[in-house]
Amino acid sequence: MQKNVGTVDRVIRIVAGIGITSLAFVGPQSLWFLLGLVPLATGVMGWCPPYAMLGFNTCGNCGVGTDQTKAA
């Protein structure tokens, strides 16, 4: 799993995830708070499955330079 979610995108996802998940404790207490776990998890991991399937990458250079093999 190569990271495909950039820093700004991650912060937005984490804040939105915490905000939606907080509905379990305040406001209308329904199961909709579980929806907040998705952006929270993708923000923490830095990898988004739909981004990977569609070829999106907001990470920029996250994967560049991580290859340990060097050309001779």
PDB file of N, CA and C in Angstrom:
ATOM      1  N   MET A   1       0.836  -1.184   0.000  1.00  0.00           N
ATOM      2  CA  MET A   1       0.000   0.000   0.000  1.00  0.00           C
ATOM      3  C   MET A   1       0.877   1.242   0.000  1.00  0.00           C
ATOM      4  N   GLN A   2       0.918   1.910  -1.101  1.00  0.00           N
ATOM      5  CA  GLN A   2       1.682   3.149  -1.198  1.00  0.00           C
ATOM      6  C   GLN A   2       0.756   4.304  -0.835  1.00  0.00           C
ATOM      7  N   LYS A   3       1.241   5.244  -0.049  1.00  0.00           N
ATOM      8  CA  LYS A   3       0.413   6.371   0.369  1.00  0.00           C
ATOM      9  C   LYS A   3      -0.042   7.158  -0.844  1.00  0.00           C
ATOM     10  N   ASN A   4      -1.314   7.550  -0.834  1.00  0.00           N
ATOM     11  CA  ASN A   4      -1.847   8.337  -1.938  1.00  0.00           C
ATOM     12  C   ASN A   4      -2.689   9.508  -1.436  1.00  0.00           C
ATOM     13  N   VAL A   5      -2.604   9.809  -0.140  1.00  0.00           N
ATOM     14  CA  VAL A   5      -3.352  10.912   0.447  1.00  0.00           C
ATOM     15  C   VAL A   5      -2.353  11.905   1.030  1.00  0.00           C
ATOM     16  N   GLY A   6      -2.390  13.135   0.549  1.00  0.00           N
ATOM     17  CA  GLY A   6      -1.448  14.167   0.979  1.00  0.00           C
ATOM     18  C   GLY A   6      -1.763  14.722   2.355  1.00  0.00           C
ATOM     19  N   THR A   7      -0.900  15.587   2.841  1.00  0.00           N
ATOM     20  CA  THR A   7      -1.002  16.125   4.197  1.00  0.00           C
ATOM     21  C   THR A   7      -2.285  16.918   4.417  1.00  0.00           C
ATOM     22  N   VAL A   8      -2.588  17.832   3.529  1.00  0.00           N
ATOM     23  CA  VAL A   8      -3.804  18.648   3.676  1.00  0.00           C
ATOM     24  C   VAL A   8      -5.035  17.751   3.612  1.00  0.00           C
ATOM     25  N   ASP A   9      -5.044  16.836   2.671  1.00  0.00           N
ATOM     26  CA  ASP A   9      -6.151  15.895   2.521  1.00  0.00           C
ATOM     27  C   ASP A   9      -6.314  15.050   3.784  1.00  0.00           C
ATOM     28  N   ARG A  10      -5.205  14.622   4.363  1.00  0.00           N
ATOM     29  CA  ARG A  10      -5.252  13.806   5.584  1.00  0.00           C
ATOM     30  C   ARG A  10      -5.837  14.593   6.746  1.00  0.00           C
ATOM     31  N   VAL A  11      -5.402  15.843   6.905  1.00  0.00           N
ATOM     32  CA  VAL A  11      -5.909  16.674   8.001  1.00  0.00           C
ATOM     33  C   VAL A  11      -7.411  16.885   7.852  1.00  0.00           C
ATOM     34  N   ILE A  12      -7.858  17.178   6.644  1.00  0.00           N
ATOM     35  CA  ILE A  12      -9.294  17.380   6.399  1.00  0.00           C
ATOM     36  C   ILE A  12     -10.069  16.104   6.717  1.00  0.00           C
ATOM     37  N   ARG A  13      -9.559  14.956   6.290  1.00  0.00           N
ATOM     38  CA  ARG A  13     -10.234  13.684   6.549  1.00  0.00           C
ATOM     39  C   ARG A  13     -10.299  13.378   8.043  1.00  0.00           C
ATOM     40  N   ILE A  14      -9.203  13.620   8.752  1.00  0.00           N
ATOM     41  CA  ILE A  14      -9.175  13.322  10.189  1.00  0.00           C
ATOM     42  C   ILE A  14     -10.142  14.235  10.946  1.00  0.00           C
ATOM     43  N   VAL A  15     -10.139  15.526  10.635  1.00  0.00           N
ATOM     44  CA  VAL A  15     -11.041  16.465  11.302  1.00  0.00           C
ATOM     45  C   VAL A  15     -12.498  16.111  10.988  1.00  0.00           C
ATOM     46  N   ALA A  16     -12.796  15.823   9.719  1.00  0.00           N
ATOM     47  CA  ALA A  16     -14.163  15.453   9.348  1.00  0.00           C
ATOM     48  C   ALA A  16     -14.569  14.141  10.016  1.00  0.00           C
ATOM     49  N   GLY A  17     -13.656  13.180  10.050  1.00  0.00           N
ATOM     50  CA  GLY A  17     -13.949  11.896  10.676  1.00  0.00           C
ATOM     51  C   GLY A  17     -14.236  12.035  12.158  1.00  0.00           C
ATOM     52  N   ILE A  18     -13.432  12.828  12.850  1.00  0.00           N
ATOM     53  CA  ILE A  18     -13.660  13.053  14.281  1.00  0.00           C
ATOM     54  C   ILE A  18     -14.982  13.783  14.492  1.00  0.00           C
ATOM     55  N   GLY A  19     -15.261  14.761  13.633  1.00  0.00           N
ATOM     56  CA  GLY A  19     -16.517  15.506  13.754  1.00  0.00           C
ATOM     57  C   GLY A  19     -17.741  14.628  13.566  1.00  0.00           C
ATOM     58  N   ILE A  20     -17.711  13.785  12.545  1.00  0.00           N
ATOM     59  CA  ILE A  20     -18.851  12.901  12.284  1.00  0.00           C
ATOM     60  C   ILE A  20     -18.955  11.820  13.359  1.00  0.00           C
ATOM     61  N   THR A  21     -17.819  11.278  13.775  1.00  0.00           N
ATOM     62  CA  THR A  21     -17.822  10.235  14.802  1.00  0.00           C
ATOM     63  C   THR A  21     -18.287  10.779  16.147  1.00  0.00           C
ATOM     64  N   SER A  22     -18.063  12.065  16.400  1.00  0.00           N
ATOM     65  CA  SER A  22     -18.493  12.660  17.668  1.00  0.00           C
ATOM     66  C   SER A  22     -20.009  12.658  17.812  1.00  0.00           C
ATOM     67  N   LEU A  23     -20.730  12.440  16.719  1.00  0.00           N
ATOM     68  CA  LEU A  23     -22.186  12.364  16.798  1.00  0.00           C
ATOM     69  C   LEU A  23     -22.656  11.196  17.654  1.00  0.00           C
ATOM     70  N   ALA A  24     -21.784  10.263  17.937  1.00  0.00           N
ATOM     71  CA  ALA A  24     -22.139   9.154  18.829  1.00  0.00           C
ATOM     72  C   ALA A  24     -22.341   9.656  20.252  1.00  0.00           C
ATOM     73  N   PHE A  25     -21.721  10.784  20.581  1.00  0.00           N
ATOM     74  CA  PHE A  25     -21.756  11.284  21.945  1.00  0.00           C
ATOM     75  C   PHE A  25     -22.611  12.537  22.113  1.00  0.00           C
ATOM     76  N   VAL A  26     -22.720  13.336  21.063  1.00  0.00           N
ATOM     77  CA  VAL A  26     -23.532  14.560  21.116  1.00  0.00           C
ATOM     78  C   VAL A  26     -24.431  14.607  19.897  1.00  0.00           C
ATOM     79  N   GLY A  27     -25.502  15.357  19.994  1.00  0.00           N
ATOM     80  CA  GLY A  27     -26.397  15.504  18.855  1.00  0.00           C
ATOM     81  C   GLY A  27     -27.278  14.285  18.663  1.00  0.00           C
ATOM     82  N   PRO A  28     -27.739  14.094  17.424  1.00  0.00           N
ATOM     83  CA  PRO A  28     -28.622  12.951  17.162  1.00  0.00           C
ATOM     84  C   PRO A  28     -27.847  11.636  17.269  1.00  0.00           C
ATOM     85  N   GLN A  29     -28.187  10.850  18.236  1.00  0.00           N
ATOM     86  CA  GLN A  29     -27.439   9.621  18.485  1.00  0.00           C
ATOM     87  C   GLN A  29     -28.030   8.479  17.658  1.00  0.00           C
ATOM     88  N   SER A  30     -27.485   8.331  16.463  1.00  0.00           N
ATOM     89  CA  SER A  30     -27.892   7.250  15.576  1.00  0.00           C
ATOM     90  C   SER A  30     -26.631   6.553  15.075  1.00  0.00           C
ATOM     91  N   LEU A  31     -26.810   5.587  14.224  1.00  0.00           N
ATOM     92  CA  LEU A  31     -25.659   4.840  13.716  1.00  0.00           C
ATOM     93  C   LEU A  31     -24.908   5.578  12.604  1.00  0.00           C
ATOM     94  N   TRP A  32     -25.345   6.772  12.248  1.00  0.00           N
ATOM     95  CA  TRP A  32     -24.660   7.536  11.210  1.00  0.00           C
ATOM     96  C   TRP A  32     -23.240   7.905  11.618  1.00  0.00           C
ATOM     97  N   PHE A  33     -22.957   7.898  12.918  1.00  0.00           N
ATOM     98  CA  PHE A  33     -21.609   8.240  13.364  1.00  0.00           C
ATOM     99  C   PHE A  33     -20.574   7.252  12.824  1.00  0.00           C
ATOM    100  N   LEU A  34     -21.000   6.031  12.498  1.00  0.00           N
ATOM    101  CA  LEU A  34     -20.072   5.041  11.954  1.00  0.00           C
ATOM    102  C   LEU A  34     -19.491   5.478  10.619  1.00  0.00           C
ATOM    103  N   LEU A  35     -20.219   6.315   9.905  1.00  0.00           N
ATOM    104  CA  LEU A  35     -19.739   6.840   8.628  1.00  0.00           C
ATOM    105  C   LEU A  35     -18.460   7.658   8.820  1.00  0.00           C
ATOM    106  N   GLY A  36     -18.287   8.236   9.981  1.00  0.00           N
ATOM    107  CA  GLY A  36     -17.092   9.027  10.271  1.00  0.00           C
ATOM    108  C   GLY A  36     -15.830   8.198  10.395  1.00  0.00           C
ATOM    109  N   LEU A  37     -15.977   6.896  10.593  1.00  0.00           N
ATOM    110  CA  LEU A  37     -14.803   6.038  10.711  1.00  0.00           C
ATOM    111  C   LEU A  37     -14.052   5.902   9.386  1.00  0.00           C
ATOM    112  N   VAL A  38     -14.758   6.062   8.271  1.00  0.00           N
ATOM    113  CA  VAL A  38     -14.120   5.914   6.955  1.00  0.00           C
ATOM    114  C   VAL A  38     -13.096   7.023   6.704  1.00  0.00           C
ATOM    115  N   PRO A  39     -13.486   8.309   6.765  1.00  0.00           N
ATOM    116  CA  PRO A  39     -12.458   9.340   6.545  1.00  0.00           C
ATOM    117  C   PRO A  39     -11.399   9.352   7.645  1.00  0.00           C
ATOM    118  N   LEU A  40     -11.789   8.992   8.857  1.00  0.00           N
ATOM    119  CA  LEU A  40     -10.817   8.934   9.942  1.00  0.00           C
ATOM    120  C   LEU A  40      -9.759   7.866   9.659  1.00  0.00           C
ATOM    121  N   ALA A  41     -10.175   6.692   9.236  1.00  0.00           N
ATOM    122  CA  ALA A  41      -9.232   5.600   8.948  1.00  0.00           C
ATOM    123  C   ALA A  41      -8.340   5.931   7.753  1.00  0.00           C
ATOM    124  N   THR A  42      -8.922   6.473   6.677  1.00  0.00           N
ATOM    125  CA  THR A  42      -8.110   6.788   5.502  1.00  0.00           C
ATOM    126  C   THR A  42      -7.147   7.929   5.794  1.00  0.00           C
ATOM    127  N   GLY A  43      -7.547   8.866   6.649  1.00  0.00           N
ATOM    128  CA  GLY A  43      -6.650   9.951   7.021  1.00  0.00           C
ATOM    129  C   GLY A  43      -5.489   9.472   7.865  1.00  0.00           C
ATOM    130  N   VAL A  44      -5.764   8.570   8.791  1.00  0.00           N
ATOM    131  CA  VAL A  44      -4.705   8.045   9.654  1.00  0.00           C
ATOM    132  C   VAL A  44      -3.739   7.168   8.859  1.00  0.00           C
ATOM    133  N   MET A  45      -4.284   6.324   7.978  1.00  0.00           N
ATOM    134  CA  MET A  45      -3.434   5.418   7.192  1.00  0.00           C
ATOM    135  C   MET A  45      -2.698   6.136   6.065  1.00  0.00           C
ATOM    136  N   GLY A  46      -3.291   7.202   5.525  1.00  0.00           N
ATOM    137  CA  GLY A  46      -2.679   7.896   4.397  1.00  0.00           C
ATOM    138  C   GLY A  46      -2.913   7.196   3.075  1.00  0.00           C
ATOM    139  N   TRP A  47      -3.841   6.257   3.063  1.00  0.00           N
ATOM    140  CA  TRP A  47      -4.137   5.496   1.851  1.00  0.00           C
ATOM    141  C   TRP A  47      -5.640   5.392   1.687  1.00  0.00           C
ATOM    142  N   CYS A  48      -6.121   5.685   0.491  1.00  0.00           N
ATOM    143  CA  CYS A  48      -7.545   5.656   0.201  1.00  0.00           C
ATOM    144  C   CYS A  48      -7.786   4.669  -0.939  1.00  0.00           C
ATOM    145  N   PRO A  49      -8.543   3.593  -0.693  1.00  0.00           N
ATOM    146  CA  PRO A  49      -8.794   2.594  -1.742  1.00  0.00           C
ATOM    147  C   PRO A  49      -9.421   3.166  -3.019  1.00  0.00           C
ATOM    148  N   PRO A  50     -10.442   4.048  -2.936  1.00  0.00           N
ATOM    149  CA  PRO A  50     -10.975   4.617  -4.183  1.00  0.00           C
ATOM    150  C   PRO A  50      -9.941   5.434  -4.952  1.00  0.00           C
ATOM    151  N   TYR A  51      -9.078   6.164  -4.233  1.00  0.00           N
ATOM    152  CA  TYR A  51      -8.010   6.902  -4.906  1.00  0.00           C
ATOM    153  C   TYR A  51      -7.105   5.936  -5.668  1.00  0.00           C
ATOM    154  N   ALA A  52      -6.777   4.811  -5.039  1.00  0.00           N
ATOM    155  CA  ALA A  52      -5.906   3.820  -5.677  1.00  0.00           C
ATOM    156  C   ALA A  52      -6.564   3.238  -6.924  1.00  0.00           C
ATOM    157  N   MET A  53      -7.854   2.937  -6.845  1.00  0.00           N
ATOM    158  CA  MET A  53      -8.561   2.367  -8.001  1.00  0.00           C
ATOM    159  C   MET A  53      -8.677   3.353  -9.152  1.00  0.00           C
ATOM    160  N   LEU A  54      -8.858   4.631  -8.824  1.00  0.00           N
ATOM    161  CA  LEU A  54      -9.044   5.649  -9.855  1.00  0.00           C
ATOM    162  C   LEU A  54      -7.746   6.320 -10.285  1.00  0.00           C
ATOM    163  N   GLY A  55      -6.648   5.998  -9.617  1.00  0.00           N
ATOM    164  CA  GLY A  55      -5.354   6.553  -9.996  1.00  0.00           C
ATOM    165  C   GLY A  55      -5.094   7.948  -9.462  1.00  0.00           C
ATOM    166  N   PHE A  56      -5.846   8.392  -8.452  1.00  0.00           N
ATOM    167  CA  PHE A  56      -5.630   9.712  -7.859  1.00  0.00           C
ATOM    168  C   PHE A  56      -4.494   9.646  -6.862  1.00  0.00           C
ATOM    169  N   ASN A  57      -3.791  10.771  -6.707  1.00  0.00           N
ATOM    170  CA  ASN A  57      -2.721  10.852  -5.728  1.00  0.00           C
ATOM    171  C   ASN A  57      -2.564  12.306  -5.308  1.00  0.00           C
ATOM    172  N   THR A  58      -2.967  12.627  -4.085  1.00  0.00           N
ATOM    173  CA  THR A  58      -2.808  13.985  -3.569  1.00  0.00           C
ATOM    174  C   THR A  58      -1.552  14.097  -2.713  1.00  0.00           C
ATOM    175  N   CYS A  59      -0.771  13.043  -2.693  1.00  0.00           N
ATOM    176  CA  CYS A  59       0.406  12.969  -1.837  1.00  0.00           C
ATOM    177  C   CYS A  59       1.636  13.636  -2.461  1.00  0.00           C
ATOM    178  N   GLY A  60       1.642  13.810  -3.738  1.00  0.00           N
ATOM    179  CA  GLY A  60       2.804  14.422  -4.375  1.00  0.00           C
ATOM    180  C   GLY A  60       3.961  13.465  -4.488  1.00  0.00           C
ATOM    181  N   ASN A  61       5.003  13.689  -3.690  1.00  0.00           N
ATOM    182  CA  ASN A  61       6.227  12.889  -3.766  1.00  0.00           C
ATOM    183  C   ASN A  61       6.351  11.864  -2.643  1.00  0.00           C
ATOM    184  N   CYS A  62       5.268  11.390  -2.105  1.00  0.00           N
ATOM    185  CA  CYS A  62       5.352  10.440  -0.984  1.00  0.00           C
ATOM    186  C   CYS A  62       6.056   9.154  -1.371  1.00  0.00           C
ATOM    187  N   GLY A  63       5.849   8.660  -2.561  1.00  0.00           N
ATOM    188  CA  GLY A  63       6.442   7.400  -2.952  1.00  0.00           C
ATOM    189  C   GLY A  63       7.796   7.546  -3.611  1.00  0.00           C
ATOM    190  N   VAL A  64       8.224   8.755  -3.918  1.00  0.00           N
ATOM    191  CA  VAL A  64       9.474   8.986  -4.619  1.00  0.00           C
ATOM    192  C   VAL A  64      10.629   8.852  -3.642  1.00  0.00           C
ATOM    193  N   GLY A  65      11.646   8.105  -4.036  1.00  0.00           N
ATOM    194  CA  GLY A  65      12.832   7.969  -3.228  1.00  0.00           C
ATOM    195  C   GLY A  65      12.735   6.911  -2.148  1.00  0.00           C
ATOM    196  N   THR A  66      11.649   6.159  -2.106  1.00  0.00           N
ATOM    197  CA  THR A  66      11.506   5.131  -1.083  1.00  0.00           C
ATOM    198  C   THR A  66      12.001   3.780  -1.558  1.00  0.00           C
ATOM    199  N   ASP A  67      12.340   3.676  -2.834  1.00  0.00           N
ATOM    200  CA  ASP A  67      12.824   2.422  -3.375  1.00  0.00           C
ATOM    201  C   ASP A  67      14.271   2.213  -2.907  1.00  0.00           C
ATOM    202  N   GLN A  68      14.532   1.077  -2.288  1.00  0.00           N
ATOM    203  CA  GLN A  68      15.845   0.809  -1.722  1.00  0.00           C
ATOM    204  C   GLN A  68      16.847   0.302  -2.760  1.00  0.00           C
ATOM    205  N   THR A  69      16.355  -0.129  -3.913  1.00  0.00           N
ATOM    206  CA  THR A  69      17.265  -0.630  -4.958  1.00  0.00           C
ATOM    207  C   THR A  69      17.798   0.552  -5.758  1.00  0.00           C
ATOM    208  N   LYS A  70      19.077   0.486  -6.102  1.00  0.00           N
ATOM    209  CA  LYS A  70      19.694   1.551  -6.874  1.00  0.00           C
ATOM    210  C   LYS A  70      20.225   1.005  -8.175  1.00  0.00           C
ATOM    211  N   ALA A  71      20.095   1.796  -9.215  1.00  0.00           N
ATOM    212  CA  ALA A  71      20.603   1.385 -10.525  1.00  0.00           C
ATOM    213  C   ALA A  71      22.123   1.445 -10.503  1.00  0.00           C
ATOM    214  N   ALA A  72      22.757   0.461 -11.120  1.00  0.00           N
ATOM    215  CA  ALA A  72      24.218   0.413 -11.118  1.00  0.00           C
ATOM    216  C   ALA A  72      24.807   1.296 -12.189  1.00  0.00           C
TER     217      ALA A  72
END
